[in-house]
Amino acid sequence: MLSDVKRLTSMRLQVVLEPSEEGGYTIFVPSLPGCISEGENIDDALSNIHEAIELYLESTEDNFSLVEGAIIQEVVL
C-alpha cells in the first residue's frame, strides 16, 4: 500500500496567480488538473493553494494500489 511508500519531503510545483475581477487572486497548479484556489491577496492565495495541493495529492493516494512485487523508486528531474 501507499502508506508503506517513503513520502517525499519536498516538491516543487509552479503555480499561476491571476487577478480576479472581484478582487484578490485565483491560483492554480498547471501540473495538477483541477487544483485551484483563491485568496484576498497573494499570501492568502499561496497559503490556500498549499492546502489544496495537499488535499489533491491525498485524494490520489486513496486511488493508488500496487501490484505485489512492485518496485517504488524516486525520480529527480
N, C-alpha and C. Protein backbone atom coordinates (compact mmCIF):
# COMPACT_ATOMS: atom_id res chain seq x y z
N MET A 1 0.83 -1.19 0.00
CA MET A 1 0.00 0.00 0.00
C MET A 1 0.88 1.25 0.00
N LEU A 2 0.26 2.37 -0.34
CA LEU A 2 1.00 3.62 -0.41
C LEU A 2 1.53 4.04 0.94
N SER A 3 0.87 3.64 2.02
CA SER A 3 1.35 4.01 3.34
C SER A 3 2.73 3.44 3.60
N ASP A 4 3.12 2.39 2.89
CA ASP A 4 4.44 1.79 3.03
C ASP A 4 5.49 2.53 2.21
N VAL A 5 5.06 3.43 1.35
CA VAL A 5 5.96 4.15 0.46
C VAL A 5 6.57 5.34 1.20
N LYS A 6 7.86 5.54 1.00
CA LYS A 6 8.51 6.70 1.59
C LYS A 6 7.91 7.96 0.98
N ARG A 7 7.43 8.85 1.83
CA ARG A 7 6.82 10.10 1.36
C ARG A 7 7.91 11.09 0.96
N LEU A 8 7.63 11.88 -0.05
CA LEU A 8 8.55 12.94 -0.43
C LEU A 8 8.50 14.02 0.64
N THR A 9 9.64 14.58 0.95
CA THR A 9 9.67 15.62 1.96
C THR A 9 9.50 17.00 1.35
N SER A 10 9.74 17.12 0.06
CA SER A 10 9.52 18.40 -0.60
C SER A 10 9.17 18.16 -2.06
N MET A 11 8.47 19.11 -2.62
CA MET A 11 8.04 19.02 -4.01
C MET A 11 8.02 20.45 -4.56
N ARG A 12 8.45 20.60 -5.77
CA ARG A 12 8.43 21.92 -6.39
C ARG A 12 7.39 21.92 -7.49
N LEU A 13 6.43 22.82 -7.38
CA LEU A 13 5.37 22.96 -8.37
C LEU A 13 5.23 24.41 -8.75
N GLN A 14 4.99 24.66 -10.02
CA GLN A 14 4.70 26.02 -10.44
C GLN A 14 3.22 26.30 -10.25
N VAL A 15 2.91 27.51 -9.82
CA VAL A 15 1.52 27.95 -9.69
C VAL A 15 1.33 29.21 -10.52
N VAL A 16 0.10 29.45 -10.91
CA VAL A 16 -0.24 30.65 -11.67
C VAL A 16 -1.24 31.45 -10.85
N LEU A 17 -0.92 32.71 -10.62
CA LEU A 17 -1.81 33.64 -9.92
C LEU A 17 -2.43 34.58 -10.94
N GLU A 18 -3.75 34.65 -10.94
CA GLU A 18 -4.45 35.56 -11.85
C GLU A 18 -5.32 36.49 -11.01
N PRO A 19 -5.26 37.80 -11.30
CA PRO A 19 -6.13 38.72 -10.57
C PRO A 19 -7.60 38.41 -10.88
N SER A 20 -8.43 38.41 -9.85
CA SER A 20 -9.86 38.17 -10.02
C SER A 20 -10.59 39.48 -10.23
N GLU A 21 -11.65 39.45 -11.03
CA GLU A 21 -12.44 40.65 -11.27
C GLU A 21 -13.04 41.18 -9.98
N GLU A 22 -13.38 40.27 -9.04
CA GLU A 22 -13.99 40.65 -7.77
C GLU A 22 -12.95 41.14 -6.77
N GLY A 23 -11.69 41.07 -7.11
CA GLY A 23 -10.59 41.39 -6.19
C GLY A 23 -9.91 40.11 -5.76
N GLY A 24 -8.72 40.22 -5.27
CA GLY A 24 -7.96 39.06 -4.86
C GLY A 24 -7.38 38.32 -6.05
N TYR A 25 -7.05 37.07 -5.81
CA TYR A 25 -6.39 36.27 -6.84
C TYR A 25 -6.98 34.87 -6.90
N THR A 26 -7.02 34.34 -8.11
CA THR A 26 -7.27 32.92 -8.33
C THR A 26 -5.90 32.30 -8.59
N ILE A 27 -5.69 31.11 -8.04
CA ILE A 27 -4.39 30.46 -8.17
C ILE A 27 -4.62 29.00 -8.56
N PHE A 28 -3.81 28.50 -9.51
CA PHE A 28 -3.95 27.10 -9.90
C PHE A 28 -2.59 26.50 -10.20
N VAL A 29 -2.56 25.17 -10.22
CA VAL A 29 -1.33 24.41 -10.46
C VAL A 29 -1.49 23.71 -11.81
N PRO A 30 -0.82 24.19 -12.85
CA PRO A 30 -0.99 23.60 -14.19
C PRO A 30 -0.71 22.10 -14.24
N SER A 31 0.23 21.62 -13.44
CA SER A 31 0.58 20.19 -13.49
C SER A 31 -0.38 19.31 -12.69
N LEU A 32 -1.33 19.91 -11.97
CA LEU A 32 -2.34 19.16 -11.21
C LEU A 32 -3.72 19.63 -11.67
N PRO A 33 -4.26 19.04 -12.73
CA PRO A 33 -5.53 19.49 -13.29
C PRO A 33 -6.64 19.57 -12.23
N GLY A 34 -7.30 20.71 -12.18
CA GLY A 34 -8.39 20.90 -11.24
C GLY A 34 -7.96 21.39 -9.87
N CYS A 35 -6.66 21.52 -9.63
CA CYS A 35 -6.17 22.01 -8.35
C CYS A 35 -6.13 23.53 -8.41
N ILE A 36 -7.14 24.14 -7.78
CA ILE A 36 -7.35 25.58 -7.88
C ILE A 36 -7.81 26.13 -6.54
N SER A 37 -7.47 27.37 -6.28
CA SER A 37 -7.92 28.04 -5.05
C SER A 37 -7.95 29.54 -5.31
N GLU A 38 -8.15 30.29 -4.25
CA GLU A 38 -8.17 31.75 -4.38
C GLU A 38 -7.80 32.36 -3.05
N GLY A 39 -7.55 33.66 -3.06
CA GLY A 39 -7.23 34.37 -1.84
C GLY A 39 -7.42 35.86 -2.02
N GLU A 40 -7.58 36.56 -0.92
CA GLU A 40 -7.80 38.00 -0.97
C GLU A 40 -6.53 38.75 -1.41
N ASN A 41 -5.37 38.14 -1.16
CA ASN A 41 -4.10 38.70 -1.61
C ASN A 41 -3.17 37.55 -1.99
N ILE A 42 -1.98 37.87 -2.44
CA ILE A 42 -1.06 36.83 -2.91
C ILE A 42 -0.71 35.86 -1.79
N ASP A 43 -0.43 36.37 -0.60
CA ASP A 43 -0.07 35.49 0.51
C ASP A 43 -1.21 34.54 0.86
N ASP A 44 -2.44 35.04 0.89
CA ASP A 44 -3.60 34.18 1.17
C ASP A 44 -3.75 33.11 0.09
N ALA A 45 -3.60 33.53 -1.16
CA ALA A 45 -3.75 32.59 -2.27
C ALA A 45 -2.69 31.49 -2.20
N LEU A 46 -1.45 31.86 -1.90
CA LEU A 46 -0.38 30.87 -1.78
C LEU A 46 -0.62 29.92 -0.62
N SER A 47 -1.08 30.44 0.49
CA SER A 47 -1.40 29.60 1.64
C SER A 47 -2.54 28.63 1.30
N ASN A 48 -3.56 29.15 0.63
CA ASN A 48 -4.71 28.31 0.27
C ASN A 48 -4.35 27.24 -0.76
N ILE A 49 -3.44 27.56 -1.69
CA ILE A 49 -3.09 26.55 -2.69
C ILE A 49 -2.25 25.44 -2.06
N HIS A 50 -1.50 25.76 -1.02
CA HIS A 50 -0.77 24.69 -0.31
C HIS A 50 -1.74 23.65 0.22
N GLU A 51 -2.81 24.13 0.84
CA GLU A 51 -3.83 23.21 1.37
C GLU A 51 -4.50 22.44 0.23
N ALA A 52 -4.81 23.14 -0.86
CA ALA A 52 -5.45 22.49 -2.00
C ALA A 52 -4.56 21.40 -2.59
N ILE A 53 -3.26 21.66 -2.67
CA ILE A 53 -2.32 20.67 -3.20
C ILE A 53 -2.28 19.44 -2.30
N GLU A 54 -2.21 19.67 -0.99
CA GLU A 54 -2.19 18.54 -0.05
C GLU A 54 -3.45 17.69 -0.20
N LEU A 55 -4.61 18.32 -0.30
CA LEU A 55 -5.86 17.58 -0.47
C LEU A 55 -5.89 16.86 -1.81
N TYR A 56 -5.41 17.52 -2.85
CA TYR A 56 -5.36 16.91 -4.19
C TYR A 56 -4.51 15.65 -4.17
N LEU A 57 -3.31 15.75 -3.59
CA LEU A 57 -2.41 14.60 -3.57
C LEU A 57 -2.91 13.52 -2.64
N GLU A 58 -3.56 13.89 -1.56
CA GLU A 58 -4.14 12.91 -0.64
C GLU A 58 -5.21 12.09 -1.35
N SER A 59 -6.02 12.74 -2.17
CA SER A 59 -7.08 12.00 -2.87
C SER A 59 -6.50 11.04 -3.90
N THR A 60 -5.34 11.34 -4.47
CA THR A 60 -4.73 10.41 -5.42
C THR A 60 -4.16 9.21 -4.70
N GLU A 61 -3.73 9.39 -3.43
CA GLU A 61 -3.22 8.27 -2.64
C GLU A 61 -4.31 7.23 -2.40
N ASP A 62 -5.55 7.70 -2.20
CA ASP A 62 -6.65 6.78 -1.94
C ASP A 62 -6.92 5.85 -3.12
N ASN A 63 -6.58 6.29 -4.32
CA ASN A 63 -6.84 5.51 -5.52
C ASN A 63 -5.60 4.74 -5.98
N PHE A 64 -4.57 4.75 -5.18
CA PHE A 64 -3.29 4.17 -5.55
C PHE A 64 -3.21 2.74 -5.02
N SER A 65 -2.95 1.79 -5.88
CA SER A 65 -2.74 0.42 -5.42
C SER A 65 -1.53 -0.15 -6.15
N LEU A 66 -0.84 -1.02 -5.47
CA LEU A 66 0.37 -1.61 -6.03
C LEU A 66 0.19 -3.09 -6.27
N VAL A 67 0.79 -3.56 -7.33
CA VAL A 67 0.83 -4.98 -7.63
C VAL A 67 1.93 -5.57 -6.74
N GLU A 68 1.69 -6.76 -6.23
CA GLU A 68 2.70 -7.40 -5.39
C GLU A 68 4.00 -7.51 -6.16
N GLY A 69 5.09 -7.16 -5.51
CA GLY A 69 6.41 -7.20 -6.15
C GLY A 69 6.79 -5.90 -6.84
N ALA A 70 5.91 -4.90 -6.79
CA ALA A 70 6.20 -3.62 -7.43
C ALA A 70 7.40 -2.97 -6.75
N ILE A 71 8.17 -2.25 -7.53
CA ILE A 71 9.33 -1.53 -7.02
C ILE A 71 9.00 -0.04 -7.08
N ILE A 72 9.22 0.63 -5.98
CA ILE A 72 8.96 2.07 -5.90
C ILE A 72 10.29 2.77 -5.84
N GLN A 73 10.48 3.73 -6.74
CA GLN A 73 11.74 4.44 -6.79
C GLN A 73 11.44 5.91 -7.03
N GLU A 74 12.19 6.77 -6.38
CA GLU A 74 12.03 8.22 -6.55
C GLU A 74 12.87 8.67 -7.74
N VAL A 75 12.31 9.51 -8.57
CA VAL A 75 12.99 10.05 -9.73
C VAL A 75 13.12 11.56 -9.54
N VAL A 76 14.31 12.08 -9.67
CA VAL A 76 14.54 13.50 -9.52
C VAL A 76 14.84 14.08 -10.89
N LEU A 77 14.11 15.11 -11.25
CA LEU A 77 14.33 15.76 -12.55
C LEU A 77 15.13 17.02 -12.37
